[in-house]
mmCIF file of all heavy atoms, coordinates in Angstrom:
data_MODEL
# 
_entry.id   MODEL 
# 
loop_
_atom_site.group_PDB 
_atom_site.id 
_atom_site.type_symbol 
_atom_site.label_atom_id 
_atom_site.label_alt_id 
_atom_site.label_comp_id 
_atom_site.label_asym_id 
_atom_site.label_entity_id 
_atom_site.label_seq_id 
_atom_site.pdbx_PDB_ins_code 
_atom_site.Cartn_x 
_atom_site.Cartn_y 
_atom_site.Cartn_z 
_atom_site.occupancy 
_atom_site.B_iso_or_equiv 
_atom_site.pdbx_formal_charge 
_atom_site.auth_seq_id 
_atom_site.auth_comp_id 
_atom_site.auth_asym_id 
_atom_site.auth_atom_id 
_atom_site.pdbx_PDB_model_num 
ATOM 1   N N   . ASN A 1 1  ? 0.770   -1.297 -0.037  1.00 0.00 ? 1  ASN A N   1 
ATOM 2   C CA  . ASN A 1 1  ? 0.002   0.007  -0.051  1.00 0.00 ? 1  ASN A CA  1 
ATOM 3   C C   . ASN A 1 1  ? 0.887   1.276  0.007   1.00 0.00 ? 1  ASN A C   1 
ATOM 4   O O   . ASN A 1 1  ? 0.528   2.140  -0.742  1.00 0.00 ? 1  ASN A O   1 
ATOM 5   C CB  . ASN A 1 1  ? -0.871  0.037  1.187   1.00 0.00 ? 1  ASN A CB  1 
ATOM 6   C CG  . ASN A 1 1  ? -2.055  -1.000 1.017   1.00 0.00 ? 1  ASN A CG  1 
ATOM 7   O OD1 . ASN A 1 1  ? -2.869  -0.944 0.281   1.00 0.00 ? 1  ASN A OD1 1 
ATOM 8   N ND2 . ASN A 1 1  ? -2.035  -1.976 2.054   1.00 0.00 ? 1  ASN A ND2 1 
ATOM 9   N N   . THR A 1 2  ? 1.900   1.285  0.815   1.00 0.00 ? 2  THR A N   1 
ATOM 10  C CA  . THR A 1 2  ? 2.903   2.362  0.981   1.00 0.00 ? 2  THR A CA  1 
ATOM 11  C C   . THR A 1 2  ? 3.464   2.666  -0.488  1.00 0.00 ? 2  THR A C   1 
ATOM 12  O O   . THR A 1 2  ? 3.608   3.750  -0.965  1.00 0.00 ? 2  THR A O   1 
ATOM 13  C CB  . THR A 1 2  ? 3.857   2.145  2.001   1.00 0.00 ? 2  THR A CB  1 
ATOM 14  O OG1 . THR A 1 2  ? 3.335   1.956  3.213   1.00 0.00 ? 2  THR A OG1 1 
ATOM 15  C CG2 . THR A 1 2  ? 4.908   3.214  2.072   1.00 0.00 ? 2  THR A CG2 1 
ATOM 16  N N   . SER A 1 3  ? 3.822   1.506  -1.094  1.00 0.00 ? 3  SER A N   1 
ATOM 17  C CA  . SER A 1 3  ? 4.517   1.605  -2.338  1.00 0.00 ? 3  SER A CA  1 
ATOM 18  C C   . SER A 1 3  ? 3.684   2.172  -3.463  1.00 0.00 ? 3  SER A C   1 
ATOM 19  O O   . SER A 1 3  ? 4.080   2.976  -4.301  1.00 0.00 ? 3  SER A O   1 
ATOM 20  C CB  . SER A 1 3  ? 5.023   0.228  -2.892  1.00 0.00 ? 3  SER A CB  1 
ATOM 21  O OG  . SER A 1 3  ? 5.955   -0.389 -2.041  1.00 0.00 ? 3  SER A OG  1 
ATOM 22  N N   . ALA A 1 4  ? 2.363   1.758  -3.470  1.00 0.00 ? 4  ALA A N   1 
ATOM 23  C CA  . ALA A 1 4  ? 1.450   2.151  -4.492  1.00 0.00 ? 4  ALA A CA  1 
ATOM 24  C C   . ALA A 1 4  ? 1.139   3.751  -4.310  1.00 0.00 ? 4  ALA A C   1 
ATOM 25  O O   . ALA A 1 4  ? 1.149   4.463  -5.368  1.00 0.00 ? 4  ALA A O   1 
ATOM 26  C CB  . ALA A 1 4  ? 0.111   1.465  -4.420  1.00 0.00 ? 4  ALA A CB  1 
ATOM 27  N N   . TRP A 1 5  ? 1.013   4.100  -3.084  1.00 0.00 ? 5  TRP A N   1 
ATOM 28  C CA  . TRP A 1 5  ? 0.825   5.595  -2.894  1.00 0.00 ? 5  TRP A CA  1 
ATOM 29  C C   . TRP A 1 5  ? 2.003   6.405  -3.241  1.00 0.00 ? 5  TRP A C   1 
ATOM 30  O O   . TRP A 1 5  ? 1.858   7.508  -3.760  1.00 0.00 ? 5  TRP A O   1 
ATOM 31  C CB  . TRP A 1 5  ? 0.362   5.850  -1.295  1.00 0.00 ? 5  TRP A CB  1 
ATOM 32  C CG  . TRP A 1 5  ? 0.195   7.157  -0.984  1.00 0.00 ? 5  TRP A CG  1 
ATOM 33  C CD1 . TRP A 1 5  ? 0.725   7.906  -0.043  1.00 0.00 ? 5  TRP A CD1 1 
ATOM 34  C CD2 . TRP A 1 5  ? -0.941  7.970  -1.455  1.00 0.00 ? 5  TRP A CD2 1 
ATOM 35  N NE1 . TRP A 1 5  ? 0.231   9.223  0.075   1.00 0.00 ? 5  TRP A NE1 1 
ATOM 36  C CE2 . TRP A 1 5  ? -0.766  9.270  -0.799  1.00 0.00 ? 5  TRP A CE2 1 
ATOM 37  C CE3 . TRP A 1 5  ? -1.882  7.772  -2.390  1.00 0.00 ? 5  TRP A CE3 1 
ATOM 38  C CZ2 . TRP A 1 5  ? -1.719  10.258 -1.101  1.00 0.00 ? 5  TRP A CZ2 1 
ATOM 39  C CZ3 . TRP A 1 5  ? -2.800  8.838  -2.715  1.00 0.00 ? 5  TRP A CZ3 1 
ATOM 40  C CH2 . TRP A 1 5  ? -2.713  10.124 -2.051  1.00 0.00 ? 5  TRP A CH2 1 
ATOM 41  N N   . LYS A 1 6  ? 3.164   5.855  -3.021  1.00 0.00 ? 6  LYS A N   1 
ATOM 42  C CA  . LYS A 1 6  ? 4.384   6.512  -3.509  1.00 0.00 ? 6  LYS A CA  1 
ATOM 43  C C   . LYS A 1 6  ? 4.369   6.718  -4.955  1.00 0.00 ? 6  LYS A C   1 
ATOM 44  O O   . LYS A 1 6  ? 4.771   7.787  -5.530  1.00 0.00 ? 6  LYS A O   1 
ATOM 45  C CB  . LYS A 1 6  ? 5.603   5.677  -3.149  1.00 0.00 ? 6  LYS A CB  1 
ATOM 46  C CG  . LYS A 1 6  ? 6.960   6.410  -3.494  1.00 0.00 ? 6  LYS A CG  1 
ATOM 47  C CD  . LYS A 1 6  ? 8.201   5.558  -3.031  1.00 0.00 ? 6  LYS A CD  1 
ATOM 48  C CE  . LYS A 1 6  ? 9.490   6.216  -3.466  1.00 0.00 ? 6  LYS A CE  1 
ATOM 49  N NZ  . LYS A 1 6  ? 10.606  5.498  -3.191  1.00 0.00 ? 6  LYS A NZ  1 
ATOM 50  N N   . GLY A 1 7  ? 3.844   5.670  -5.755  1.00 0.00 ? 7  GLY A N   1 
ATOM 51  C CA  . GLY A 1 7  ? 3.828   5.817  -7.224  1.00 0.00 ? 7  GLY A CA  1 
ATOM 52  C C   . GLY A 1 7  ? 2.885   6.848  -7.556  1.00 0.00 ? 7  GLY A C   1 
ATOM 53  O O   . GLY A 1 7  ? 3.166   7.570  -8.506  1.00 0.00 ? 7  GLY A O   1 
ATOM 54  N N   . LEU A 1 8  ? 1.762   7.032  -6.945  1.00 0.00 ? 8  LEU A N   1 
ATOM 55  C CA  . LEU A 1 8  ? 0.866   8.229  -7.257  1.00 0.00 ? 8  LEU A CA  1 
ATOM 56  C C   . LEU A 1 8  ? 1.496   9.549  -6.906  1.00 0.00 ? 8  LEU A C   1 
ATOM 57  O O   . LEU A 1 8  ? 1.304   10.474 -7.668  1.00 0.00 ? 8  LEU A O   1 
ATOM 58  C CB  . LEU A 1 8  ? -0.496  8.055  -6.376  1.00 0.00 ? 8  LEU A CB  1 
ATOM 59  C CG  . LEU A 1 8  ? -1.459  6.990  -6.836  1.00 0.00 ? 8  LEU A CG  1 
ATOM 60  C CD1 . LEU A 1 8  ? -2.753  7.018  -5.939  1.00 0.00 ? 8  LEU A CD1 1 
ATOM 61  C CD2 . LEU A 1 8  ? -1.757  7.002  -8.224  1.00 0.00 ? 8  LEU A CD2 1 
ATOM 62  N N   . GLN A 1 9  ? 2.149   9.585  -5.751  1.00 0.00 ? 9  GLN A N   1 
ATOM 63  C CA  . GLN A 1 9  ? 2.917   10.820 -5.424  1.00 0.00 ? 9  GLN A CA  1 
ATOM 64  C C   . GLN A 1 9  ? 3.884   11.222 -6.530  1.00 0.00 ? 9  GLN A C   1 
ATOM 65  O O   . GLN A 1 9  ? 4.115   12.386 -6.758  1.00 0.00 ? 9  GLN A O   1 
ATOM 66  C CB  . GLN A 1 9  ? 3.483   10.686 -4.115  1.00 0.00 ? 9  GLN A CB  1 
ATOM 67  C CG  . GLN A 1 9  ? 2.547   10.574 -2.905  1.00 0.00 ? 9  GLN A CG  1 
ATOM 68  C CD  . GLN A 1 9  ? 3.183   10.369 -1.583  1.00 0.00 ? 9  GLN A CD  1 
ATOM 69  O OE1 . GLN A 1 9  ? 3.981   9.351  -1.466  1.00 0.00 ? 9  GLN A OE1 1 
ATOM 70  N NE2 . GLN A 1 9  ? 2.841   11.043 -0.553  1.00 0.00 ? 9  GLN A NE2 1 
ATOM 71  N N   . GLU A 1 10 ? 4.672   10.174 -7.036  1.00 0.00 ? 10 GLU A N   1 
ATOM 72  C CA  . GLU A 1 10 ? 5.703   10.393 -8.027  1.00 0.00 ? 10 GLU A CA  1 
ATOM 73  C C   . GLU A 1 10 ? 4.952   10.905 -9.338  1.00 0.00 ? 10 GLU A C   1 
ATOM 74  O O   . GLU A 1 10 ? 5.583   11.712 -10.126 1.00 0.00 ? 10 GLU A O   1 
ATOM 75  C CB  . GLU A 1 10 ? 6.488   9.099  -8.243  1.00 0.00 ? 10 GLU A CB  1 
ATOM 76  C CG  . GLU A 1 10 ? 7.408   8.713  -7.110  1.00 0.00 ? 10 GLU A CG  1 
ATOM 77  C CD  . GLU A 1 10 ? 8.453   9.805  -6.678  1.00 0.00 ? 10 GLU A CD  1 
ATOM 78  O OE1 . GLU A 1 10 ? 8.922   10.381 -7.669  1.00 0.00 ? 10 GLU A OE1 1 
ATOM 79  O OE2 . GLU A 1 10 ? 8.812   9.942  -5.533  1.00 0.00 ? 10 GLU A OE2 1 
ATOM 80  N N   . ALA A 1 11 ? 3.824   10.287 -9.590  1.00 0.00 ? 11 ALA A N   1 
ATOM 81  C CA  . ALA A 1 11 ? 3.184   10.729 -10.861 1.00 0.00 ? 11 ALA A CA  1 
ATOM 82  C C   . ALA A 1 11 ? 2.693   12.130 -10.855 1.00 0.00 ? 11 ALA A C   1 
ATOM 83  O O   . ALA A 1 11 ? 2.895   12.940 -11.743 1.00 0.00 ? 11 ALA A O   1 
ATOM 84  C CB  . ALA A 1 11 ? 1.910   9.895  -10.990 1.00 0.00 ? 11 ALA A CB  1 
ATOM 85  N N   . LYS A 1 12 ? 2.279   12.571 -9.605  1.00 0.00 ? 12 LYS A N   1 
ATOM 86  C CA  . LYS A 1 12 ? 1.932   13.974 -9.344  1.00 0.00 ? 12 LYS A CA  1 
ATOM 87  C C   . LYS A 1 12 ? 3.103   14.881 -9.491  1.00 0.00 ? 12 LYS A C   1 
ATOM 88  O O   . LYS A 1 12 ? 3.057   16.038 -10.020 1.00 0.00 ? 12 LYS A O   1 
ATOM 89  C CB  . LYS A 1 12 ? 1.196   14.074 -7.971  1.00 0.00 ? 12 LYS A CB  1 
ATOM 90  C CG  . LYS A 1 12 ? 0.794   15.540 -7.517  1.00 0.00 ? 12 LYS A CG  1 
ATOM 91  C CD  . LYS A 1 12 ? 0.294   15.390 -6.137  1.00 0.00 ? 12 LYS A CD  1 
ATOM 92  C CE  . LYS A 1 12 ? 0.089   16.818 -5.520  1.00 0.00 ? 12 LYS A CE  1 
ATOM 93  N NZ  . LYS A 1 12 ? -1.027  17.491 -6.373  1.00 0.00 ? 12 LYS A NZ  1 
ATOM 94  N N   . LYS A 1 13 ? 4.362   14.448 -8.995  1.00 0.00 ? 13 LYS A N   1 
ATOM 95  C CA  . LYS A 1 13 ? 5.363   15.319 -9.201  1.00 0.00 ? 13 LYS A CA  1 
ATOM 96  C C   . LYS A 1 13 ? 5.864   15.571 -10.587 1.00 0.00 ? 13 LYS A C   1 
ATOM 97  O O   . LYS A 1 13 ? 6.308   16.537 -11.030 1.00 0.00 ? 13 LYS A O   1 
ATOM 98  C CB  . LYS A 1 13 ? 6.658   14.633 -8.441  1.00 0.00 ? 13 LYS A CB  1 
ATOM 99  C CG  . LYS A 1 13 ? 6.674   14.672 -6.894  1.00 0.00 ? 13 LYS A CG  1 
ATOM 100 C CD  . LYS A 1 13 ? 7.942   13.995 -6.259  1.00 0.00 ? 13 LYS A CD  1 
ATOM 101 C CE  . LYS A 1 13 ? 7.792   13.959 -4.795  1.00 0.00 ? 13 LYS A CE  1 
ATOM 102 N NZ  . LYS A 1 13 ? 8.921   13.230 -4.272  1.00 0.00 ? 13 LYS A NZ  1 
ATOM 103 N N   . GLU A 1 14 ? 5.598   14.469 -11.386 1.00 0.00 ? 14 GLU A N   1 
ATOM 104 C CA  . GLU A 1 14 ? 5.932   14.520 -12.794 1.00 0.00 ? 14 GLU A CA  1 
ATOM 105 C C   . GLU A 1 14 ? 4.944   15.428 -13.626 1.00 0.00 ? 14 GLU A C   1 
ATOM 106 O O   . GLU A 1 14 ? 5.385   16.094 -14.535 1.00 0.00 ? 14 GLU A O   1 
ATOM 107 C CB  . GLU A 1 14 ? 6.100   13.165 -13.483 1.00 0.00 ? 14 GLU A CB  1 
ATOM 108 C CG  . GLU A 1 14 ? 6.474   13.235 -14.956 1.00 0.00 ? 14 GLU A CG  1 
ATOM 109 C CD  . GLU A 1 14 ? 7.098   11.834 -15.361 1.00 0.00 ? 14 GLU A CD  1 
ATOM 110 O OE1 . GLU A 1 14 ? 7.873   11.374 -14.603 1.00 0.00 ? 14 GLU A OE1 1 
ATOM 111 O OE2 . GLU A 1 14 ? 6.773   11.467 -16.480 1.00 0.00 ? 14 GLU A OE2 1 
ATOM 112 N N   . ASN A 1 15 ? 3.697   15.304 -13.148 1.00 0.00 ? 15 ASN A N   1 
ATOM 113 C CA  . ASN A 1 15 ? 2.676   16.091 -13.906 1.00 0.00 ? 15 ASN A CA  1 
ATOM 114 C C   . ASN A 1 15 ? 1.709   16.734 -12.836 1.00 0.00 ? 15 ASN A C   1 
ATOM 115 O O   . ASN A 1 15 ? 0.894   16.000 -12.247 1.00 0.00 ? 15 ASN A O   1 
ATOM 116 C CB  . ASN A 1 15 ? 1.871   15.098 -14.738 1.00 0.00 ? 15 ASN A CB  1 
ATOM 117 C CG  . ASN A 1 15 ? 0.726   15.815 -15.543 1.00 0.00 ? 15 ASN A CG  1 
ATOM 118 O OD1 . ASN A 1 15 ? 0.380   16.964 -15.248 1.00 0.00 ? 15 ASN A OD1 1 
ATOM 119 N ND2 . ASN A 1 15 ? 0.095   15.012 -16.439 1.00 0.00 ? 15 ASN A ND2 1 
ATOM 120 N N   . ASP A 1 16 ? 1.935   18.025 -12.676 1.00 0.00 ? 16 ASP A N   1 
ATOM 121 C CA  . ASP A 1 16 ? 1.203   18.698 -11.597 1.00 0.00 ? 16 ASP A CA  1 
ATOM 122 C C   . ASP A 1 16 ? -0.257  18.894 -11.909 1.00 0.00 ? 16 ASP A C   1 
ATOM 123 O O   . ASP A 1 16 ? -0.984  19.518 -11.072 1.00 0.00 ? 16 ASP A O   1 
ATOM 124 C CB  . ASP A 1 16 ? 1.876   20.020 -11.105 1.00 0.00 ? 16 ASP A CB  1 
ATOM 125 C CG  . ASP A 1 16 ? 1.858   21.045 -12.128 1.00 0.00 ? 16 ASP A CG  1 
ATOM 126 O OD1 . ASP A 1 16 ? 1.253   20.795 -13.288 1.00 0.00 ? 16 ASP A OD1 1 
ATOM 127 O OD2 . ASP A 1 16 ? 2.375   22.140 -11.892 1.00 0.00 ? 16 ASP A OD2 1 
ATOM 128 N N   . ASN A 1 17 ? -0.621  18.429 -13.100 1.00 0.00 ? 17 ASN A N   1 
ATOM 129 C CA  . ASN A 1 17 ? -2.102  18.455 -13.369 1.00 0.00 ? 17 ASN A CA  1 
ATOM 130 C C   . ASN A 1 17 ? -2.805  17.247 -12.775 1.00 0.00 ? 17 ASN A C   1 
ATOM 131 O O   . ASN A 1 17 ? -4.059  17.076 -12.906 1.00 0.00 ? 17 ASN A O   1 
ATOM 132 C CB  . ASN A 1 17 ? -2.302  18.435 -14.862 1.00 0.00 ? 17 ASN A CB  1 
ATOM 133 C CG  . ASN A 1 17 ? -3.720  19.141 -15.223 1.00 0.00 ? 17 ASN A CG  1 
ATOM 134 O OD1 . ASN A 1 17 ? -3.988  20.195 -14.747 1.00 0.00 ? 17 ASN A OD1 1 
ATOM 135 N ND2 . ASN A 1 17 ? -4.412  18.488 -16.137 1.00 0.00 ? 17 ASN A ND2 1 
ATOM 136 N N   . ILE A 1 18 ? -2.096  16.335 -12.182 1.00 0.00 ? 18 ILE A N   1 
ATOM 137 C CA  . ILE A 1 18 ? -2.722  15.230 -11.592 1.00 0.00 ? 18 ILE A CA  1 
ATOM 138 C C   . ILE A 1 18 ? -3.021  15.379 -10.129 1.00 0.00 ? 18 ILE A C   1 
ATOM 139 O O   . ILE A 1 18 ? -2.133  15.850 -9.344  1.00 0.00 ? 18 ILE A O   1 
ATOM 140 C CB  . ILE A 1 18 ? -1.696  13.936 -11.693 1.00 0.00 ? 18 ILE A CB  1 
ATOM 141 C CG1 . ILE A 1 18 ? -1.449  13.539 -13.073 1.00 0.00 ? 18 ILE A CG1 1 
ATOM 142 C CG2 . ILE A 1 18 ? -2.263  12.821 -10.983 1.00 0.00 ? 18 ILE A CG2 1 
ATOM 143 C CD1 . ILE A 1 18 ? -0.395  12.517 -13.318 1.00 0.00 ? 18 ILE A CD1 1 
ATOM 144 N N   . ASP A 1 19 ? -4.226  15.116 -9.672  1.00 0.00 ? 19 ASP A N   1 
ATOM 145 C CA  . ASP A 1 19 ? -4.677  15.247 -8.328  1.00 0.00 ? 19 ASP A CA  1 
ATOM 146 C C   . ASP A 1 19 ? -4.688  13.751 -7.840  1.00 0.00 ? 19 ASP A C   1 
ATOM 147 O O   . ASP A 1 19 ? -5.132  12.776 -8.481  1.00 0.00 ? 19 ASP A O   1 
ATOM 148 C CB  . ASP A 1 19 ? -6.055  15.776 -8.133  1.00 0.00 ? 19 ASP A CB  1 
ATOM 149 C CG  . ASP A 1 19 ? -5.992  17.365 -8.191  1.00 0.00 ? 19 ASP A CG  1 
ATOM 150 O OD1 . ASP A 1 19 ? -4.932  17.960 -8.168  1.00 0.00 ? 19 ASP A OD1 1 
ATOM 151 O OD2 . ASP A 1 19 ? -7.117  17.963 -8.341  1.00 0.00 ? 19 ASP A OD2 1 
ATOM 152 N N   . ILE A 1 20 ? -4.360  13.532 -6.568  1.00 0.00 ? 20 ILE A N   1 
ATOM 153 C CA  . ILE A 1 20 ? -4.323  12.233 -6.012  1.00 0.00 ? 20 ILE A CA  1 
ATOM 154 C C   . ILE A 1 20 ? -5.057  12.237 -4.663  1.00 0.00 ? 20 ILE A C   1 
ATOM 155 O O   . ILE A 1 20 ? -5.003  13.143 -3.925  1.00 0.00 ? 20 ILE A O   1 
ATOM 156 C CB  . ILE A 1 20 ? -2.887  11.610 -5.954  1.00 0.00 ? 20 ILE A CB  1 
ATOM 157 C CG1 . ILE A 1 20 ? -2.044  12.380 -4.979  1.00 0.00 ? 20 ILE A CG1 1 
ATOM 158 C CG2 . ILE A 1 20 ? -2.148  11.488 -7.229  1.00 0.00 ? 20 ILE A CG2 1 
ATOM 159 C CD1 . ILE A 1 20 ? -0.611  11.800 -4.645  1.00 0.00 ? 20 ILE A CD1 1 
ATOM 160 N N   . LYS A 1 21 ? -5.633  11.007 -4.417  1.00 0.00 ? 21 LYS A N   1 
ATOM 161 C CA  . LYS A 1 21 ? -6.260  10.856 -3.062  1.00 0.00 ? 21 LYS A CA  1 
ATOM 162 C C   . LYS A 1 21 ? -6.320  9.374  -2.829  1.00 0.00 ? 21 LYS A C   1 
ATOM 163 O O   . LYS A 1 21 ? -6.255  8.526  -3.729  1.00 0.00 ? 21 LYS A O   1 
ATOM 164 C CB  . LYS A 1 21 ? -7.625  11.494 -3.109  1.00 0.00 ? 21 LYS A CB  1 
ATOM 165 C CG  . LYS A 1 21 ? -8.644  10.880 -3.840  1.00 0.00 ? 21 LYS A CG  1 
ATOM 166 C CD  . LYS A 1 21 ? -9.979  11.398 -3.768  1.00 0.00 ? 21 LYS A CD  1 
ATOM 167 C CE  . LYS A 1 21 ? -10.227 12.852 -4.214  1.00 0.00 ? 21 LYS A CE  1 
ATOM 168 N NZ  . LYS A 1 21 ? -11.605 13.422 -4.275  1.00 0.00 ? 21 LYS A NZ  1 
ATOM 169 N N   . ASN A 1 22 ? -6.529  9.077  -1.474  1.00 0.00 ? 22 ASN A N   1 
ATOM 170 C CA  . ASN A 1 22 ? -6.712  7.675  -1.221  1.00 0.00 ? 22 ASN A CA  1 
ATOM 171 C C   . ASN A 1 22 ? -7.728  7.513  -0.030  1.00 0.00 ? 22 ASN A C   1 
ATOM 172 O O   . ASN A 1 22 ? -8.116  8.326  0.647   1.00 0.00 ? 22 ASN A O   1 
ATOM 173 C CB  . ASN A 1 22 ? -5.430  7.005  -0.750  1.00 0.00 ? 22 ASN A CB  1 
ATOM 174 C CG  . ASN A 1 22 ? -5.007  7.527  0.697   1.00 0.00 ? 22 ASN A CG  1 
ATOM 175 O OD1 . ASN A 1 22 ? -5.565  7.175  1.766   1.00 0.00 ? 22 ASN A OD1 1 
ATOM 176 N ND2 . ASN A 1 22 ? -3.882  8.269  0.724   1.00 0.00 ? 22 ASN A ND2 1 
ATOM 177 N N   . VAL A 1 23 ? -8.343  6.267  -0.094  1.00 0.00 ? 23 VAL A N   1 
ATOM 178 C CA  . VAL A 1 23 ? -9.221  5.974  1.045   1.00 0.00 ? 23 VAL A CA  1 
ATOM 179 C C   . VAL A 1 23 ? -8.741  4.505  1.509   1.00 0.00 ? 23 VAL A C   1 
ATOM 180 O O   . VAL A 1 23 ? -8.449  3.738  0.756   1.00 0.00 ? 23 VAL A O   1 
ATOM 181 C CB  . VAL A 1 23 ? -10.672 5.898  0.588   1.00 0.00 ? 23 VAL A CB  1 
ATOM 182 C CG1 . VAL A 1 23 ? -10.984 4.852  -0.437  1.00 0.00 ? 23 VAL A CG1 1 
ATOM 183 C CG2 . VAL A 1 23 ? -11.716 5.731  1.802   1.00 0.00 ? 23 VAL A CG2 1 
ATOM 184 N N   . GLN A 1 24 ? -8.742  4.396  2.874   1.00 0.00 ? 24 GLN A N   1 
ATOM 185 C CA  . GLN A 1 24 ? -8.268  3.276  3.414   1.00 0.00 ? 24 GLN A CA  1 
ATOM 186 C C   . GLN A 1 24 ? -9.335  2.252  3.839   1.00 0.00 ? 24 GLN A C   1 
ATOM 187 O O   . GLN A 1 24 ? -10.220 2.662  4.589   1.00 0.00 ? 24 GLN A O   1 
ATOM 188 C CB  . GLN A 1 24 ? -7.474  3.635  4.649   1.00 0.00 ? 24 GLN A CB  1 
ATOM 189 C CG  . GLN A 1 24 ? -6.259  4.565  4.271   1.00 0.00 ? 24 GLN A CG  1 
ATOM 190 C CD  . GLN A 1 24 ? -5.209  4.768  5.447   1.00 0.00 ? 24 GLN A CD  1 
ATOM 191 O OE1 . GLN A 1 24 ? -4.705  3.762  5.927   1.00 0.00 ? 24 GLN A OE1 1 
ATOM 192 N NE2 . GLN A 1 24 ? -4.988  6.080  5.760   1.00 0.00 ? 24 GLN A NE2 1 
ATOM 193 N N   . SER A 1 25 ? -9.228  1.039  3.460   1.00 0.00 ? 25 SER A N   1 
ATOM 194 C CA  . SER A 1 25 ? -10.140 -0.073 3.777   1.00 0.00 ? 25 SER A CA  1 
ATOM 195 C C   . SER A 1 25 ? -9.785  -0.640 5.235   1.00 0.00 ? 25 SER A C   1 
ATOM 196 O O   . SER A 1 25 ? -8.658  -0.979 5.474   1.00 0.00 ? 25 SER A O   1 
ATOM 197 C CB  . SER A 1 25 ? -10.128 -1.220 2.785   1.00 0.00 ? 25 SER A CB  1 
ATOM 198 O OG  . SER A 1 25 ? -10.376 -0.636 1.487   1.00 0.00 ? 25 SER A OG  1 
ATOM 199 N N   . LYS A 1 26 ? -10.873 -0.785 5.944   1.00 0.00 ? 26 LYS A N   1 
ATOM 200 C CA  . LYS A 1 26 ? -10.632 -1.266 7.367   1.00 0.00 ? 26 LYS A CA  1 
ATOM 201 C C   . LYS A 1 26 ? -10.996 -2.812 7.398   1.00 0.00 ? 26 LYS A C   1 
ATOM 202 O O   . LYS A 1 26 ? -10.613 -3.481 8.242   1.00 0.00 ? 26 LYS A O   1 
ATOM 203 C CB  . LYS A 1 26 ? -11.598 -0.522 8.338   1.00 0.00 ? 26 LYS A CB  1 
ATOM 204 C CG  . LYS A 1 26 ? -11.171 0.876  8.568   1.00 0.00 ? 26 LYS A CG  1 
ATOM 205 C CD  . LYS A 1 26 ? -9.762  0.869  9.364   1.00 0.00 ? 26 LYS A CD  1 
ATOM 206 C CE  . LYS A 1 26 ? -9.458  2.382  9.707   1.00 0.00 ? 26 LYS A CE  1 
ATOM 207 N NZ  . LYS A 1 26 ? -8.176  2.404  10.367  1.00 0.00 ? 26 LYS A NZ  1 
ATOM 208 N N   . ALA A 1 27 ? -11.779 -3.237 6.441   1.00 0.00 ? 27 ALA A N   1 
ATOM 209 C CA  . ALA A 1 27 ? -12.164 -4.673 6.274   1.00 0.00 ? 27 ALA A CA  1 
ATOM 210 C C   . ALA A 1 27 ? -12.473 -4.943 4.788   1.00 0.00 ? 27 ALA A C   1 
ATOM 211 O O   . ALA A 1 27 ? -12.676 -3.940 3.996   1.00 0.00 ? 27 ALA A O   1 
ATOM 212 C CB  . ALA A 1 27 ? -13.454 -4.867 7.086   1.00 0.00 ? 27 ALA A CB  1 
# 
């Protein structure tokens, strides 16, 4: 999960037109 979120953050760094968000599953 940490790795995938880092990928989204890196994509945003490369293209600042990208907005990112996450929601966390508890079950």
